[in-house]
Amino acid sequence: MKTKLFFFSALAALFALIVLPSCEKDHLRPEIPHMPVAASEAPEQPAPTLPETVLSDSELPVILAQLPGFWNVLSFQVNGAEYISTFVKSASFRFYPAPLGAGEFRQEVHFADGETDIVAGTYRVDEGAQQIILTSADESIVANISITDGNQMRWEFTQDWMHVVVKAVKL
């Protein structure tokens, strides 16, 4: 009986020596730095400000302010040949807001043969040149862009020696 009690006591002591000290290490608290109590002790720091490039909706340039939203493509011409209703069943663009001057877009094209192509990437607008720069994993496109009445968009660009004109309406 003494051996059982001794064995149990030794096992309990070994458990206490190995396990309990490790619990103390698991819950280490970082040192709390001294914080000034009086206002006179506080270091002077400027108030945090947003980056200067963040613009409110009313301050966004015209094209950049009108671009976000869902656009349904009405016409997609390549070298004068219309692709909507022939090779392309439908196409759309979705532009997400760009408060820092660059945003994200998603293009979805449903072809007449049942295939669907989805391209996503980023966009920037050059208001001075009235151009939009679309960048995806595959390529970049620079297109002349105009938006009239806030809901009619027209793009023109040349890609691989083909002249492309896209007309869309905002939904």
C-alpha atoms as a PDB file:
ATOM      1  CA  MET A   1       0.000   0.000   0.000  1.00  0.00           C
ATOM      2  CA  LYS A   2       2.891   2.348   0.811  1.00  0.00           C
ATOM      3  CA  THR A   3       4.316   1.804  -2.668  1.00  0.00           C
ATOM      4  CA  LYS A   4       1.019   2.742  -4.303  1.00  0.00           C
ATOM      5  CA  LEU A   5       0.777   5.901  -2.219  1.00  0.00           C
ATOM      6  CA  PHE A   6       4.406   6.762  -2.902  1.00  0.00           C
ATOM      7  CA  PHE A   7       3.954   6.109  -6.634  1.00  0.00           C
ATOM      8  CA  PHE A   8       0.819   8.300  -6.744  1.00  0.00           C
ATOM      9  CA  SER A   9       2.554  11.106  -4.790  1.00  0.00           C
ATOM     10  CA  ALA A  10       5.577  10.952  -7.077  1.00  0.00           C
ATOM     11  CA  LEU A  11       3.356  11.046 -10.142  1.00  0.00           C
ATOM     12  CA  ALA A  12       1.399  14.047  -8.765  1.00  0.00           C
ATOM     13  CA  ALA A  13       4.647  15.886  -7.945  1.00  0.00           C
ATOM     14  CA  LEU A  14       6.055  15.146 -11.404  1.00  0.00           C
ATOM     15  CA  PHE A  15       2.832  16.426 -12.967  1.00  0.00           C
ATOM     16  CA  ALA A  16       3.011  19.607 -10.876  1.00  0.00           C
ATOM     17  CA  LEU A  17       6.644  20.192 -11.790  1.00  0.00           C
ATOM     18  CA  ILE A  18       6.171  19.686 -15.516  1.00  0.00           C
ATOM     19  CA  VAL A  19       2.698  20.982 -16.314  1.00  0.00           C
ATOM     20  CA  LEU A  20       1.978  23.818 -13.902  1.00  0.00           C
ATOM     21  CA  PRO A  21       5.057  25.949 -14.633  1.00  0.00           C
ATOM     22  CA  SER A  22       4.273  25.776 -18.363  1.00  0.00           C
ATOM     23  CA  CYS A  23       0.839  27.316 -17.725  1.00  0.00           C
ATOM     24  CA  GLU A  24       2.566  30.388 -16.348  1.00  0.00           C
ATOM     25  CA  LYS A  25       4.494  30.780 -19.610  1.00  0.00           C
ATOM     26  CA  ASP A  26       1.371  30.408 -21.726  1.00  0.00           C
ATOM     27  CA  HIS A  27      -0.223  33.500 -20.235  1.00  0.00           C
ATOM     28  CA  LEU A  28       2.605  35.978 -20.286  1.00  0.00           C
ATOM     29  CA  ARG A  29       1.393  39.563 -20.248  1.00  0.00           C
ATOM     30  CA  PRO A  30       3.402  42.199 -22.033  1.00  0.00           C
ATOM     31  CA  GLU A  31       4.753  45.016 -19.983  1.00  0.00           C
ATOM     32  CA  ILE A  32       2.360  47.943 -19.954  1.00  0.00           C
ATOM     33  CA  PRO A  33       4.229  51.094 -20.929  1.00  0.00           C
ATOM     34  CA  HIS A  34       3.997  54.146 -18.742  1.00  0.00           C
ATOM     35  CA  MET A  35       1.294  56.456 -20.035  1.00  0.00           C
ATOM     36  CA  PRO A  36       1.366  60.122 -19.054  1.00  0.00           C
ATOM     37  CA  VAL A  37      -1.330  61.027 -16.572  1.00  0.00           C
ATOM     38  CA  ALA A  38      -1.390  64.775 -16.784  1.00  0.00           C
ATOM     39  CA  ALA A  39      -2.025  66.595 -20.048  1.00  0.00           C
ATOM     40  CA  SER A  40       1.262  68.442 -19.596  1.00  0.00           C
ATOM     41  CA  GLU A  41       3.123  65.100 -19.692  1.00  0.00           C
ATOM     42  CA  ALA A  42       1.473  63.974 -22.928  1.00  0.00           C
ATOM     43  CA  PRO A  43       3.690  64.226 -26.008  1.00  0.00           C
ATOM     44  CA  GLU A  44       2.331  66.491 -28.702  1.00  0.00           C
ATOM     45  CA  GLN A  45       1.083  64.520 -31.678  1.00  0.00           C
ATOM     46  CA  PRO A  46      -0.871  65.801 -34.629  1.00  0.00           C
ATOM     47  CA  ALA A  47      -4.404  64.505 -35.008  1.00  0.00           C
ATOM     48  CA  PRO A  48      -4.630  61.583 -37.438  1.00  0.00           C
ATOM     49  CA  THR A  49      -5.838  62.541 -40.894  1.00  0.00           C
ATOM     50  CA  LEU A  50      -6.945  60.609 -43.934  1.00  0.00           C
ATOM     51  CA  PRO A  51      -4.627  60.565 -46.927  1.00  0.00           C
ATOM     52  CA  GLU A  52      -5.084  63.584 -49.152  1.00  0.00           C
ATOM     53  CA  THR A  53      -6.017  61.374 -52.100  1.00  0.00           C
ATOM     54  CA  VAL A  54      -9.318  60.269 -50.519  1.00  0.00           C
ATOM     55  CA  LEU A  55     -12.129  62.265 -52.093  1.00  0.00           C
ATOM     56  CA  SER A  56     -15.753  62.569 -51.080  1.00  0.00           C
ATOM     57  CA  ASP A  57     -18.432  61.715 -53.653  1.00  0.00           C
ATOM     58  CA  SER A  58     -19.073  65.386 -54.364  1.00  0.00           C
ATOM     59  CA  GLU A  59     -15.337  66.009 -54.980  1.00  0.00           C
ATOM     60  CA  LEU A  60     -14.790  63.099 -57.376  1.00  0.00           C
ATOM     61  CA  PRO A  61     -14.084  64.063 -60.985  1.00  0.00           C
ATOM     62  CA  VAL A  62     -17.070  63.773 -63.320  1.00  0.00           C
ATOM     63  CA  ILE A  63     -16.321  60.433 -65.015  1.00  0.00           C
ATOM     64  CA  LEU A  64     -15.037  58.803 -61.844  1.00  0.00           C
ATOM     65  CA  ALA A  65     -18.173  59.878 -59.944  1.00  0.00           C
ATOM     66  CA  GLN A  66     -20.564  58.568 -62.626  1.00  0.00           C
ATOM     67  CA  LEU A  67     -18.788  55.291 -63.402  1.00  0.00           C
ATOM     68  CA  PRO A  68     -19.604  53.086 -60.359  1.00  0.00           C
ATOM     69  CA  GLY A  69     -22.575  50.805 -60.882  1.00  0.00           C
ATOM     70  CA  PHE A  70     -23.899  48.150 -63.231  1.00  0.00           C
ATOM     71  CA  TRP A  71     -23.674  48.832 -66.986  1.00  0.00           C
ATOM     72  CA  ASN A  72     -25.485  46.774 -69.619  1.00  0.00           C
ATOM     73  CA  VAL A  73     -23.697  46.693 -72.998  1.00  0.00           C
ATOM     74  CA  LEU A  74     -26.038  47.611 -75.856  1.00  0.00           C
ATOM     75  CA  SER A  75     -23.483  47.614 -78.646  1.00  0.00           C
ATOM     76  CA  PHE A  76     -20.046  46.025 -79.055  1.00  0.00           C
ATOM     77  CA  GLN A  77     -18.527  46.780 -82.447  1.00  0.00           C
ATOM     78  CA  VAL A  78     -15.186  45.513 -83.710  1.00  0.00           C
ATOM     79  CA  ASN A  79     -13.998  47.207 -86.916  1.00  0.00           C
ATOM     80  CA  GLY A  80     -17.601  48.244 -87.559  1.00  0.00           C
ATOM     81  CA  ALA A  81     -19.116  44.747 -87.155  1.00  0.00           C
ATOM     82  CA  GLU A  82     -21.711  44.418 -84.372  1.00  0.00           C
ATOM     83  CA  TYR A  83     -21.070  41.529 -81.981  1.00  0.00           C
ATOM     84  CA  ILE A  84     -24.121  41.879 -79.685  1.00  0.00           C
ATOM     85  CA  SER A  85     -26.897  39.510 -80.858  1.00  0.00           C
ATOM     86  CA  THR A  86     -24.525  37.723 -83.236  1.00  0.00           C
ATOM     87  CA  PHE A  87     -21.500  36.260 -81.398  1.00  0.00           C
ATOM     88  CA  VAL A  88     -22.343  37.780 -78.009  1.00  0.00           C
ATOM     89  CA  LYS A  89     -25.712  37.150 -76.380  1.00  0.00           C
ATOM     90  CA  SER A  90     -25.189  39.763 -73.647  1.00  0.00           C
ATOM     91  CA  ALA A  91     -22.428  41.636 -71.870  1.00  0.00           C
ATOM     92  CA  SER A  92     -22.172  43.792 -68.775  1.00  0.00           C
ATOM     93  CA  PHE A  93     -19.706  45.713 -66.640  1.00  0.00           C
ATOM     94  CA  ARG A  94     -19.787  46.395 -62.939  1.00  0.00           C
ATOM     95  CA  PHE A  95     -17.606  49.209 -61.624  1.00  0.00           C
ATOM     96  CA  TYR A  96     -17.088  49.441 -57.890  1.00  0.00           C
ATOM     97  CA  PRO A  97     -16.542  52.862 -56.254  1.00  0.00           C
ATOM     98  CA  ALA A  98     -13.026  54.277 -56.384  1.00  0.00           C
ATOM     99  CA  PRO A  99     -12.579  56.736 -53.486  1.00  0.00           C
ATOM    100  CA  LEU A 100      -8.788  56.672 -53.899  1.00  0.00           C
ATOM    101  CA  GLY A 101      -8.905  57.233 -57.664  1.00  0.00           C
ATOM    102  CA  ALA A 102      -8.664  53.542 -58.594  1.00  0.00           C
ATOM    103  CA  GLY A 103     -11.342  50.899 -58.277  1.00  0.00           C
ATOM    104  CA  GLU A 104     -12.256  47.379 -59.258  1.00  0.00           C
ATOM    105  CA  PHE A 105     -14.353  46.174 -62.160  1.00  0.00           C
ATOM    106  CA  ARG A 106     -15.988  42.964 -63.315  1.00  0.00           C
ATOM    107  CA  GLN A 107     -16.838  42.238 -66.954  1.00  0.00           C
ATOM    108  CA  GLU A 108     -19.197  39.420 -67.851  1.00  0.00           C
ATOM    109  CA  VAL A 109     -19.789  38.278 -71.438  1.00  0.00           C
ATOM    110  CA  HIS A 110     -22.312  35.588 -72.376  1.00  0.00           C
ATOM    111  CA  PHE A 111     -21.627  34.202 -75.836  1.00  0.00           C
ATOM    112  CA  ALA A 112     -24.219  32.832 -78.255  1.00  0.00           C
ATOM    113  CA  ASP A 113     -22.681  29.335 -77.980  1.00  0.00           C
ATOM    114  CA  GLY A 114     -23.462  29.229 -74.233  1.00  0.00           C
ATOM    115  CA  GLU A 115     -19.964  30.012 -72.977  1.00  0.00           C
ATOM    116  CA  THR A 116     -19.409  32.753 -70.402  1.00  0.00           C
ATOM    117  CA  ASP A 117     -16.258  34.817 -69.926  1.00  0.00           C
ATOM    118  CA  ILE A 118     -15.683  36.744 -66.709  1.00  0.00           C
ATOM    119  CA  VAL A 119     -12.794  39.185 -66.346  1.00  0.00           C
ATOM    120  CA  ALA A 120     -12.034  41.118 -63.172  1.00  0.00           C
ATOM    121  CA  GLY A 121      -9.399  43.700 -62.449  1.00  0.00           C
ATOM    122  CA  THR A 122      -8.748  47.307 -61.542  1.00  0.00           C
ATOM    123  CA  TYR A 123      -9.484  50.585 -63.263  1.00  0.00           C
ATOM    124  CA  ARG A 124      -8.232  54.156 -63.196  1.00  0.00           C
ATOM    125  CA  VAL A 125      -9.687  57.199 -64.881  1.00  0.00           C
ATOM    126  CA  ASP A 126      -7.613  59.961 -66.473  1.00  0.00           C
ATOM    127  CA  GLU A 127     -10.115  62.832 -66.439  1.00  0.00           C
ATOM    128  CA  GLY A 128      -7.869  65.189 -68.413  1.00  0.00           C
ATOM    129  CA  ALA A 129      -7.481  62.764 -71.305  1.00  0.00           C
ATOM    130  CA  GLN A 130     -11.016  61.379 -70.785  1.00  0.00           C
ATOM    131  CA  GLN A 131      -9.642  57.850 -70.704  1.00  0.00           C
ATOM    132  CA  ILE A 132     -10.194  54.770 -68.608  1.00  0.00           C
ATOM    133  CA  ILE A 133      -7.378  52.315 -67.966  1.00  0.00           C
ATOM    134  CA  LEU A 134      -8.574  48.762 -67.289  1.00  0.00           C
ATOM    135  CA  THR A 135      -6.046  46.264 -65.979  1.00  0.00           C
ATOM    136  CA  SER A 136      -6.671  42.555 -65.522  1.00  0.00           C
ATOM    137  CA  ALA A 137      -4.336  39.617 -65.048  1.00  0.00           C
ATOM    138  CA  ASP A 138      -4.064  39.206 -68.807  1.00  0.00           C
ATOM    139  CA  GLU A 139      -3.745  42.738 -70.159  1.00  0.00           C
ATOM    140  CA  SER A 140      -4.351  46.476 -69.900  1.00  0.00           C
ATOM    141  CA  ILE A 141      -6.711  48.471 -72.091  1.00  0.00           C
ATOM    142  CA  VAL A 142      -6.693  52.243 -72.451  1.00  0.00           C
ATOM    143  CA  ALA A 143      -9.992  53.503 -73.837  1.00  0.00           C
ATOM    144  CA  ASN A 144     -11.410  56.930 -74.597  1.00  0.00           C
ATOM    145  CA  ILE A 145     -14.540  57.209 -72.477  1.00  0.00           C
ATOM    146  CA  SER A 146     -17.516  59.518 -72.315  1.00  0.00           C
ATOM    147  CA  ILE A 147     -20.585  59.387 -70.088  1.00  0.00           C
ATOM    148  CA  THR A 148     -23.638  61.439 -71.010  1.00  0.00           C
ATOM    149  CA  ASP A 149     -26.704  62.087 -68.862  1.00  0.00           C
ATOM    150  CA  GLY A 150     -25.038  60.012 -66.131  1.00  0.00           C
ATOM    151  CA  ASN A 151     -26.324  56.770 -67.640  1.00  0.00           C
ATOM    152  CA  GLN A 152     -24.972  56.416 -71.197  1.00  0.00           C
ATOM    153  CA  MET A 153     -21.368  55.361 -71.696  1.00  0.00           C
ATOM    154  CA  ARG A 154     -19.242  55.090 -74.828  1.00  0.00           C
ATOM    155  CA  TRP A 155     -15.748  53.612 -75.081  1.00  0.00           C
ATOM    156  CA  GLU A 156     -13.397  53.603 -78.022  1.00  0.00           C
ATOM    157  CA  PHE A 157     -10.061  51.848 -78.161  1.00  0.00           C
ATOM    158  CA  THR A 158      -7.773  49.935 -80.491  1.00  0.00           C
ATOM    159  CA  GLN A 159      -6.625  46.492 -79.449  1.00  0.00           C
ATOM    160  CA  ASP A 160      -4.571  44.142 -81.593  1.00  0.00           C
ATOM    161  CA  TRP A 161      -5.079  46.466 -84.600  1.00  0.00           C
ATOM    162  CA  MET A 162      -8.873  46.279 -84.195  1.00  0.00           C
ATOM    163  CA  HIS A 163     -10.993  49.356 -83.528  1.00  0.00           C
ATOM    164  CA  VAL A 164     -13.528  48.637 -80.751  1.00  0.00           C
ATOM    165  CA  VAL A 165     -16.549  50.770 -79.819  1.00  0.00           C
ATOM    166  CA  VAL A 166     -18.621  49.839 -76.765  1.00  0.00           C
ATOM    167  CA  LYS A 167     -21.927  51.519 -75.893  1.00  0.00           C
ATOM    168  CA  ALA A 168     -23.589  50.780 -72.568  1.00  0.00           C
ATOM    169  CA  VAL A 169     -26.428  52.038 -70.414  1.00  0.00           C
ATOM    170  CA  LYS A 170     -26.383  52.218 -66.632  1.00  0.00           C
ATOM    171  CA  LEU A 171     -29.018  50.167 -64.859  1.00  0.00           C
END
